[in-house]
């Protein structure tokens, strides 16, 4: 995954970003605790990974959350505007063009 160093929100806030490394992911799984045993574990972990990739908000550093409550607090700080800016980076839509579909159909 290619994550930019920062992203601007529609409201003009700047979020500093980093790619979550394997050690961070293990910490995040541990922070998830009982959430990992639920049916929504994958969704929670994916969303939390996106939230935890934020290293600063408007130049003010934020620490990697170590508990579910800290993940929730950071998500609240990032807000809907921040999540809207992060989502295309972590969940890009398929870039399928009509011509690609036509070519596939021809084969």
Protein backbone atom coordinates (compact mmCIF):
# COMPACT_ATOMS: atom_id res chain seq x y z
CA UNK A 1 0.00 0.00 0.00
CA UNK A 2 1.32 3.43 -0.90
CA UNK A 3 0.27 5.91 1.78
CA UNK A 4 1.02 9.62 1.31
CA UNK A 5 2.88 11.45 4.08
CA UNK A 6 -0.18 13.62 4.68
CA UNK A 7 -3.70 14.28 3.51
CA UNK A 8 -5.89 17.40 3.67
CA UNK A 9 -9.48 17.18 4.82
CA UNK A 10 -12.30 19.13 3.19
CA UNK A 11 -12.27 21.43 6.23
CA UNK A 12 -8.57 22.19 5.64
CA UNK A 13 -7.04 20.08 8.42
CA UNK A 14 -3.81 18.24 7.65
CA UNK A 15 -3.46 14.64 8.80
CA UNK A 16 0.07 13.21 8.94
CA UNK A 17 0.12 9.54 7.96
CA UNK A 18 2.30 6.46 8.19
CA UNK A 19 1.91 2.89 7.06
CA UNK A 20 1.14 0.55 9.94
CA UNK A 21 4.05 -1.87 10.33
CA UNK A 22 3.72 -5.48 11.55
CA UNK A 23 4.62 -4.53 15.14
CA UNK A 24 1.97 -1.79 15.14
CA UNK A 25 -0.56 -4.27 13.77
CA UNK A 26 0.18 -6.71 16.60
CA UNK A 27 -0.31 -3.88 19.11
CA UNK A 28 -3.58 -2.98 17.40
CA UNK A 29 -4.79 -6.58 17.55
CA UNK A 30 -3.94 -6.67 21.25
CA UNK A 31 -5.75 -3.35 21.78
CA UNK A 32 -8.82 -4.79 20.03
CA UNK A 33 -9.14 -7.39 22.79
CA UNK A 34 -12.61 -8.93 22.78
CA UNK A 35 -13.48 -7.18 19.50
CA UNK A 36 -11.27 -9.76 17.76
CA UNK A 37 -13.60 -12.60 18.77
CA UNK A 38 -16.69 -11.01 17.21
CA UNK A 39 -18.05 -11.42 13.70
CA UNK A 40 -17.05 -7.83 12.95
CA UNK A 41 -13.37 -8.32 13.87
CA UNK A 42 -12.09 -7.82 10.32
CA UNK A 43 -14.11 -4.67 9.80
CA UNK A 44 -13.04 -3.25 13.16
CA UNK A 45 -9.39 -4.02 12.53
CA UNK A 46 -9.44 -2.52 9.03
CA UNK A 47 -11.13 0.66 10.23
CA UNK A 48 -8.81 0.90 13.26
CA UNK A 49 -5.78 0.44 11.00
CA UNK A 50 -6.93 3.41 8.93
CA UNK A 51 -7.49 5.52 12.08
CA UNK A 52 -4.16 4.50 13.62
CA UNK A 53 -2.22 5.46 10.51
CA UNK A 54 -2.70 9.10 11.56
CA UNK A 55 0.47 10.40 13.23
CA UNK A 56 -0.46 14.08 13.52
CA UNK A 57 -3.39 16.44 13.20
CA UNK A 58 -2.49 19.93 11.94
CA UNK A 59 1.16 19.28 12.83
CA UNK A 60 0.41 18.17 16.41
CA UNK A 61 1.73 14.62 16.91
CA UNK A 62 -0.64 11.90 18.08
CA UNK A 63 0.48 8.65 19.69
CA UNK A 64 -0.35 5.22 18.37
CA UNK A 65 -3.47 4.15 20.33
CA UNK A 66 -2.90 1.19 22.65
CA UNK A 67 -6.49 0.50 23.73
CA UNK A 68 -9.94 0.42 22.12
CA UNK A 69 -10.83 3.60 23.98
CA UNK A 70 -7.73 5.35 22.62
CA UNK A 71 -8.61 4.22 19.08
CA UNK A 72 -12.13 5.57 19.60
CA UNK A 73 -10.75 8.87 20.96
CA UNK A 74 -8.44 9.30 17.97
CA UNK A 75 -11.30 8.49 15.60
CA UNK A 76 -13.36 11.20 17.29
CA UNK A 77 -10.49 13.69 16.93
CA UNK A 78 -10.11 12.84 13.24
CA UNK A 79 -13.86 13.21 12.77
CA UNK A 80 -16.09 12.43 9.81
CA UNK A 81 -14.17 14.89 7.66
CA UNK A 82 -10.90 13.10 8.38
CA UNK A 83 -12.38 9.66 7.76
CA UNK A 84 -13.75 10.93 4.43
CA UNK A 85 -10.22 12.03 3.48
CA UNK A 86 -8.64 8.74 4.62
CA UNK A 87 -11.17 6.35 3.10
CA UNK A 88 -10.08 6.72 -0.57
CA UNK A 89 -6.49 5.98 0.47
CA UNK A 90 -7.36 2.80 2.36
CA UNK A 91 -10.38 1.69 0.35
CA UNK A 92 -9.74 2.78 -3.24
CA UNK A 93 -12.52 2.05 -5.68
CA UNK A 94 -11.75 -0.19 -8.63
CA UNK A 95 -10.70 1.92 -11.58
CA UNK A 96 -12.59 0.03 -14.24
CA UNK A 97 -13.16 1.80 -17.53
CA UNK A 98 -15.90 0.91 -19.99
CA UNK A 99 -13.23 -0.01 -22.53
CA UNK A 100 -11.69 -2.53 -20.09
CA UNK A 101 -15.08 -4.13 -19.56
CA UNK A 102 -15.65 -4.28 -23.32
CA UNK A 103 -12.25 -5.88 -23.91
CA UNK A 104 -12.91 -8.48 -21.22
CA UNK A 105 -16.30 -9.24 -22.76
CA UNK A 106 -14.71 -9.73 -26.20
CA UNK A 107 -12.35 -12.39 -24.88
